[in-house]
Amino acid sequence: MIQITDLQGKEHYVNAELIELVESTPDTQIVLTTGHRIFTQETPTEIAERVLAYRRACLQRPAPSPDP
């Protein structure tokens, strides 16, 4: 999940796997695969950087060890 700030200044966490589109209209709008739209204070570039950081972190986690 990535952290975002809505237009009222409240912090939220968004499932990065559900982000379909990020656009500037002029406020930044995140469109999820569910159809929900979230307006945020972050720029589209900041959102993209957070999603990339999230995905890198997911790939770097060690695989769980199998049960004995």
PDB file of N, CA and C in Angstrom:
ATOM      1  N   MET A   1       0.843  -1.178   0.000  1.00  0.00           N
ATOM      2  CA  MET A   1       0.000   0.000   0.000  1.00  0.00           C
ATOM      3  C   MET A   1       0.886   1.238   0.000  1.00  0.00           C
ATOM      4  N   ILE A   2       0.360   2.308  -0.578  1.00  0.00           N
ATOM      5  CA  ILE A   2       1.088   3.565  -0.583  1.00  0.00           C
ATOM      6  C   ILE A   2       0.279   4.613   0.178  1.00  0.00           C
ATOM      7  N   GLN A   3       0.989   5.558   0.772  1.00  0.00           N
ATOM      8  CA  GLN A   3       0.347   6.623   1.525  1.00  0.00           C
ATOM      9  C   GLN A   3       0.066   7.803   0.606  1.00  0.00           C
ATOM     10  N   ILE A   4      -1.142   8.357   0.732  1.00  0.00           N
ATOM     11  CA  ILE A   4      -1.513   9.556  -0.020  1.00  0.00           C
ATOM     12  C   ILE A   4      -2.183  10.526   0.949  1.00  0.00           C
ATOM     13  N   THR A   5      -2.290  11.781   0.530  1.00  0.00           N
ATOM     14  CA  THR A   5      -2.958  12.810   1.322  1.00  0.00           C
ATOM     15  C   THR A   5      -4.106  13.369   0.500  1.00  0.00           C
ATOM     16  N   ASP A   6      -5.328  13.331   1.065  1.00  0.00           N
ATOM     17  CA  ASP A   6      -6.469  13.853   0.305  1.00  0.00           C
ATOM     18  C   ASP A   6      -6.436  15.381   0.306  1.00  0.00           C
ATOM     19  N   LEU A   7      -7.372  16.007  -0.387  1.00  0.00           N
ATOM     20  CA  LEU A   7      -7.370  17.452  -0.544  1.00  0.00           C
ATOM     21  C   LEU A   7      -7.649  18.186   0.766  1.00  0.00           C
ATOM     22  N   GLN A   8      -8.192  17.486   1.759  1.00  0.00           N
ATOM     23  CA  GLN A   8      -8.443  18.088   3.066  1.00  0.00           C
ATOM     24  C   GLN A   8      -7.262  17.894   4.018  1.00  0.00           C
ATOM     25  N   GLY A   9      -6.197  17.215   3.570  1.00  0.00           N
ATOM     26  CA  GLY A   9      -5.014  17.016   4.384  1.00  0.00           C
ATOM     27  C   GLY A   9      -4.997  15.733   5.190  1.00  0.00           C
ATOM     28  N   LYS A  10      -5.995  14.885   5.020  1.00  0.00           N
ATOM     29  CA  LYS A  10      -6.074  13.626   5.749  1.00  0.00           C
ATOM     30  C   LYS A  10      -5.270  12.549   5.015  1.00  0.00           C
ATOM     31  N   GLU A  11      -4.469  11.771   5.771  1.00  0.00           N
ATOM     32  CA  GLU A  11      -3.650  10.727   5.166  1.00  0.00           C
ATOM     33  C   GLU A  11      -4.438   9.424   5.023  1.00  0.00           C
ATOM     34  N   HIS A  12      -4.223   8.748   3.914  1.00  0.00           N
ATOM     35  CA  HIS A  12      -4.870   7.469   3.613  1.00  0.00           C
ATOM     36  C   HIS A  12      -3.826   6.525   3.025  1.00  0.00           C
ATOM     37  N   TYR A  13      -4.144   5.249   3.016  1.00  0.00           N
ATOM     38  CA  TYR A  13      -3.319   4.254   2.336  1.00  0.00           C
ATOM     39  C   TYR A  13      -4.147   3.633   1.236  1.00  0.00           C
ATOM     40  N   VAL A  14      -3.541   3.521   0.056  1.00  0.00           N
ATOM     41  CA  VAL A  14      -4.217   2.998  -1.125  1.00  0.00           C
ATOM     42  C   VAL A  14      -3.493   1.736  -1.575  1.00  0.00           C
ATOM     43  N   ASN A  15      -4.256   0.720  -1.956  1.00  0.00           N
ATOM     44  CA  ASN A  15      -3.682  -0.495  -2.500  1.00  0.00           C
ATOM     45  C   ASN A  15      -3.105  -0.179  -3.877  1.00  0.00           C
ATOM     46  N   ALA A  16      -1.780  -0.191  -3.965  1.00  0.00           N
ATOM     47  CA  ALA A  16      -1.106   0.173  -5.214  1.00  0.00           C
ATOM     48  C   ALA A  16      -1.454  -0.774  -6.359  1.00  0.00           C
ATOM     49  N   GLU A  17      -1.849  -1.994  -6.037  1.00  0.00           N
ATOM     50  CA  GLU A  17      -2.195  -2.969  -7.079  1.00  0.00           C
ATOM     51  C   GLU A  17      -3.519  -2.622  -7.772  1.00  0.00           C
ATOM     52  N   LEU A  18      -4.319  -1.760  -7.163  1.00  0.00           N
ATOM     53  CA  LEU A  18      -5.615  -1.408  -7.735  1.00  0.00           C
ATOM     54  C   LEU A  18      -5.588  -0.117  -8.546  1.00  0.00           C
ATOM     55  N   ILE A  19      -4.433   0.552  -8.611  1.00  0.00           N
ATOM     56  CA  ILE A  19      -4.353   1.809  -9.350  1.00  0.00           C
ATOM     57  C   ILE A  19      -4.334   1.510 -10.848  1.00  0.00           C
ATOM     58  N   GLU A  20      -5.289   2.102 -11.537  1.00  0.00           N
ATOM     59  CA  GLU A  20      -5.390   1.926 -12.980  1.00  0.00           C
ATOM     60  C   GLU A  20      -4.840   3.147 -13.723  1.00  0.00           C
ATOM     61  N   LEU A  21      -5.083   4.335 -13.160  1.00  0.00           N
ATOM     62  CA  LEU A  21      -4.747   5.564 -13.855  1.00  0.00           C
ATOM     63  C   LEU A  21      -4.487   6.661 -12.843  1.00  0.00           C
ATOM     64  N   VAL A  22      -3.511   7.520 -13.126  1.00  0.00           N
ATOM     65  CA  VAL A  22      -3.260   8.721 -12.330  1.00  0.00           C
ATOM     66  C   VAL A  22      -3.215   9.882 -13.308  1.00  0.00           C
ATOM     67  N   GLU A  23      -4.051  10.902 -13.048  1.00  0.00           N
ATOM     68  CA  GLU A  23      -4.078  12.036 -13.964  1.00  0.00           C
ATOM     69  C   GLU A  23      -4.164  13.341 -13.185  1.00  0.00           C
ATOM     70  N   SER A  24      -3.776  14.410 -13.837  1.00  0.00           N
ATOM     71  CA  SER A  24      -3.820  15.741 -13.254  1.00  0.00           C
ATOM     72  C   SER A  24      -4.911  16.523 -13.966  1.00  0.00           C
ATOM     73  N   THR A  25      -5.957  16.954 -13.206  1.00  0.00           N
ATOM     74  CA  THR A  25      -7.133  17.558 -13.859  1.00  0.00           C
ATOM     75  C   THR A  25      -7.654  18.842 -13.197  1.00  0.00           C
ATOM     76  N   PRO A  26      -7.067  19.832 -12.666  1.00  0.00           N
ATOM     77  CA  PRO A  26      -5.664  20.011 -12.340  1.00  0.00           C
ATOM     78  C   PRO A  26      -5.254  19.313 -11.044  1.00  0.00           C
ATOM     79  N   ASP A  27      -6.218  18.968 -10.181  1.00  0.00           N
ATOM     80  CA  ASP A  27      -5.849  18.180  -8.999  1.00  0.00           C
ATOM     81  C   ASP A  27      -5.487  16.770  -9.447  1.00  0.00           C
ATOM     82  N   THR A  28      -4.612  16.133  -8.690  1.00  0.00           N
ATOM     83  CA  THR A  28      -4.238  14.762  -9.035  1.00  0.00           C
ATOM     84  C   THR A  28      -5.375  13.828  -8.660  1.00  0.00           C
ATOM     85  N   GLN A  29      -5.750  12.988  -9.597  1.00  0.00           N
ATOM     86  CA  GLN A  29      -6.842  12.041  -9.422  1.00  0.00           C
ATOM     87  C   GLN A  29      -6.312  10.633  -9.660  1.00  0.00           C
ATOM     88  N   ILE A  30      -6.565   9.755  -8.691  1.00  0.00           N
ATOM     89  CA  ILE A  30      -6.198   8.348  -8.824  1.00  0.00           C
ATOM     90  C   ILE A  30      -7.474   7.591  -9.150  1.00  0.00           C
ATOM     91  N   VAL A  31      -7.454   6.847 -10.241  1.00  0.00           N
ATOM     92  CA  VAL A  31      -8.607   6.031 -10.625  1.00  0.00           C
ATOM     93  C   VAL A  31      -8.229   4.577 -10.351  1.00  0.00           C
ATOM     94  N   LEU A  32      -9.058   3.900  -9.564  1.00  0.00           N
ATOM     95  CA  LEU A  32      -8.808   2.507  -9.213  1.00  0.00           C
ATOM     96  C   LEU A  32      -9.543   1.571 -10.169  1.00  0.00           C
ATOM     97  N   THR A  33      -9.112   0.336 -10.226  1.00  0.00           N
ATOM     98  CA  THR A  33      -9.767  -0.663 -11.080  1.00  0.00           C
ATOM     99  C   THR A  33     -11.208  -0.895 -10.651  1.00  0.00           C
ATOM    100  N   THR A  34     -11.552  -0.522  -9.429  1.00  0.00           N
ATOM    101  CA  THR A  34     -12.921  -0.666  -8.923  1.00  0.00           C
ATOM    102  C   THR A  34     -13.839   0.446  -9.407  1.00  0.00           C
ATOM    103  N   GLY A  35     -13.225   1.488 -10.048  1.00  0.00           N
ATOM    104  CA  GLY A  35     -14.007   2.631 -10.503  1.00  0.00           C
ATOM    105  C   GLY A  35     -13.971   3.804  -9.536  1.00  0.00           C
ATOM    106  N   HIS A  36     -13.509   3.581  -8.312  1.00  0.00           N
ATOM    107  CA  HIS A  36     -13.401   4.675  -7.347  1.00  0.00           C
ATOM    108  C   HIS A  36     -12.357   5.680  -7.813  1.00  0.00           C
ATOM    109  N   ARG A  37     -12.613   6.948  -7.496  1.00  0.00           N
ATOM    110  CA  ARG A  37     -11.687   8.020  -7.828  1.00  0.00           C
ATOM    111  C   ARG A  37     -11.277   8.704  -6.525  1.00  0.00           C
ATOM    112  N   ILE A  38      -9.979   8.951  -6.382  1.00  0.00           N
ATOM    113  CA  ILE A  38      -9.449   9.584  -5.187  1.00  0.00           C
ATOM    114  C   ILE A  38      -8.670  10.813  -5.626  1.00  0.00           C
ATOM    115  N   PHE A  39      -8.999  11.962  -5.050  1.00  0.00           N
ATOM    116  CA  PHE A  39      -8.255  13.185  -5.324  1.00  0.00           C
ATOM    117  C   PHE A  39      -7.206  13.344  -4.240  1.00  0.00           C
ATOM    118  N   THR A  40      -5.996  13.687  -4.654  1.00  0.00           N
ATOM    119  CA  THR A  40      -4.877  13.729  -3.727  1.00  0.00           C
ATOM    120  C   THR A  40      -4.024  14.965  -3.936  1.00  0.00           C
ATOM    121  N   GLN A  41      -3.277  15.347  -2.883  1.00  0.00           N
ATOM    122  CA  GLN A  41      -2.385  16.506  -2.956  1.00  0.00           C
ATOM    123  C   GLN A  41      -1.086  16.176  -3.685  1.00  0.00           C
ATOM    124  N   GLU A  42      -0.719  14.898  -3.740  1.00  0.00           N
ATOM    125  CA  GLU A  42       0.529  14.505  -4.392  1.00  0.00           C
ATOM    126  C   GLU A  42       0.412  14.670  -5.908  1.00  0.00           C
ATOM    127  N   THR A  43       1.557  14.880  -6.543  1.00  0.00           N
ATOM    128  CA  THR A  43       1.579  14.980  -8.006  1.00  0.00           C
ATOM    129  C   THR A  43       1.545  13.572  -8.609  1.00  0.00           C
ATOM    130  N   PRO A  44       1.181  13.458  -9.887  1.00  0.00           N
ATOM    131  CA  PRO A  44       1.231  12.143 -10.526  1.00  0.00           C
ATOM    132  C   PRO A  44       2.628  11.514 -10.449  1.00  0.00           C
ATOM    133  N   THR A  45       3.667  12.333 -10.561  1.00  0.00           N
ATOM    134  CA  THR A  45       5.035  11.816 -10.469  1.00  0.00           C
ATOM    135  C   THR A  45       5.309  11.228  -9.090  1.00  0.00           C
ATOM    136  N   GLU A  46       4.851  11.899  -8.034  1.00  0.00           N
ATOM    137  CA  GLU A  46       5.040  11.378  -6.673  1.00  0.00           C
ATOM    138  C   GLU A  46       4.313  10.047  -6.489  1.00  0.00           C
ATOM    139  N   ILE A  47       3.102   9.955  -7.029  1.00  0.00           N
ATOM    140  CA  ILE A  47       2.331   8.704  -6.921  1.00  0.00           C
ATOM    141  C   ILE A  47       3.085   7.595  -7.653  1.00  0.00           C
ATOM    142  N   ALA A  48       3.559   7.869  -8.864  1.00  0.00           N
ATOM    143  CA  ALA A  48       4.292   6.863  -9.632  1.00  0.00           C
ATOM    144  C   ALA A  48       5.535   6.409  -8.882  1.00  0.00           C
ATOM    145  N   GLU A  49       6.272   7.345  -8.283  1.00  0.00           N
ATOM    146  CA  GLU A  49       7.468   6.990  -7.523  1.00  0.00           C
ATOM    147  C   GLU A  49       7.132   6.104  -6.326  1.00  0.00           C
ATOM    148  N   ARG A  50       6.024   6.389  -5.652  1.00  0.00           N
ATOM    149  CA  ARG A  50       5.618   5.580  -4.500  1.00  0.00           C
ATOM    150  C   ARG A  50       5.208   4.172  -4.918  1.00  0.00           C
ATOM    151  N   VAL A  51       4.514   4.077  -6.049  1.00  0.00           N
ATOM    152  CA  VAL A  51       4.120   2.755  -6.549  1.00  0.00           C
ATOM    153  C   VAL A  51       5.366   1.947  -6.921  1.00  0.00           C
ATOM    154  N   LEU A  52       6.318   2.579  -7.589  1.00  0.00           N
ATOM    155  CA  LEU A  52       7.552   1.879  -7.962  1.00  0.00           C
ATOM    156  C   LEU A  52       8.329   1.450  -6.722  1.00  0.00           C
ATOM    157  N   ALA A  53       8.407   2.300  -5.708  1.00  0.00           N
ATOM    158  CA  ALA A  53       9.098   1.944  -4.467  1.00  0.00           C
ATOM    159  C   ALA A  53       8.396   0.773  -3.773  1.00  0.00           C
ATOM    160  N   TYR A  54       7.062   0.788  -3.781  1.00  0.00           N
ATOM    161  CA  TYR A  54       6.282  -0.304  -3.191  1.00  0.00           C
ATOM    162  C   TYR A  54       6.575  -1.623  -3.907  1.00  0.00           C
ATOM    163  N   ARG A  55       6.583  -1.580  -5.223  1.00  0.00           N
ATOM    164  CA  ARG A  55       6.808  -2.817  -5.993  1.00  0.00           C
ATOM    165  C   ARG A  55       8.235  -3.323  -5.831  1.00  0.00           C
ATOM    166  N   ARG A  56       9.201  -2.421  -5.761  1.00  0.00           N
ATOM    167  CA  ARG A  56      10.586  -2.837  -5.504  1.00  0.00           C
ATOM    168  C   ARG A  56      10.689  -3.513  -4.141  1.00  0.00           C
ATOM    169  N   ALA A  57      10.036  -2.926  -3.151  1.00  0.00           N
ATOM    170  CA  ALA A  57      10.067  -3.501  -1.800  1.00  0.00           C
ATOM    171  C   ALA A  57       9.441  -4.891  -1.789  1.00  0.00           C
ATOM    172  N   CYS A  58       8.379  -5.079  -2.546  1.00  0.00           N
ATOM    173  CA  CYS A  58       7.734  -6.400  -2.621  1.00  0.00           C
ATOM    174  C   CYS A  58       8.665  -7.434  -3.233  1.00  0.00           C
ATOM    175  N   LEU A  59       9.414  -7.043  -4.249  1.00  0.00           N
ATOM    176  CA  LEU A  59      10.319  -7.972  -4.923  1.00  0.00           C
ATOM    177  C   LEU A  59      11.547  -8.305  -4.086  1.00  0.00           C
ATOM    178  N   GLN A  60      11.919  -7.433  -3.160  1.00  0.00           N
ATOM    179  CA  GLN A  60      13.115  -7.640  -2.358  1.00  0.00           C
ATOM    180  C   GLN A  60      12.864  -8.454  -1.096  1.00  0.00           C
ATOM    181  N   ARG A  61      11.623  -8.702  -0.761  1.00  0.00           N
ATOM    182  CA  ARG A  61      11.322  -9.462   0.447  1.00  0.00           C
ATOM    183  C   ARG A  61      11.705 -10.921   0.244  1.00  0.00           C
ATOM    184  N   PRO A  62      12.331 -11.525   1.249  1.00  0.00           N
ATOM    185  CA  PRO A  62      12.676 -12.952   1.122  1.00  0.00           C
ATOM    186  C   PRO A  62      11.406 -13.812   1.099  1.00  0.00           C
ATOM    187  N   ALA A  63      11.487 -14.886   0.373  1.00  0.00           N
ATOM    188  CA  ALA A  63      10.352 -15.818   0.318  1.00  0.00           C
ATOM    189  C   ALA A  63      10.192 -16.477   1.684  1.00  0.00           C
ATOM    190  N   PRO A  64       8.947 -16.737   2.111  1.00  0.00           N
ATOM    191  CA  PRO A  64       8.741 -17.402   3.394  1.00  0.00           C
ATOM    192  C   PRO A  64       9.338 -18.812   3.367  1.00  0.00           C
ATOM    193  N   SER A  65       9.880 -19.216   4.495  1.00  0.00           N
ATOM    194  CA  SER A  65      10.456 -20.561   4.563  1.00  0.00           C
ATOM    195  C   SER A  65       9.330 -21.594   4.647  1.00  0.00           C
ATOM    196  N   PRO A  66       9.515 -22.730   4.002  1.00  0.00           N
ATOM    197  CA  PRO A  66       8.477 -23.772   4.031  1.00  0.00           C
ATOM    198  C   PRO A  66       8.345 -24.363   5.438  1.00  0.00           C
ATOM    199  N   ASP A  67       7.164 -24.840   5.739  1.00  0.00           N
ATOM    200  CA  ASP A  67       6.931 -25.496   7.032  1.00  0.00           C
ATOM    201  C   ASP A  67       7.727 -26.792   7.109  1.00  0.00           C
ATOM    202  N   PRO A  68       8.255 -27.105   8.307  1.00  0.00           N
ATOM    203  CA  PRO A  68       9.042 -28.362   8.458  1.00  0.00           C
ATOM    204  C   PRO A  68       8.220 -29.607   8.292  1.00  0.00           C
TER     205      PRO A  68
END
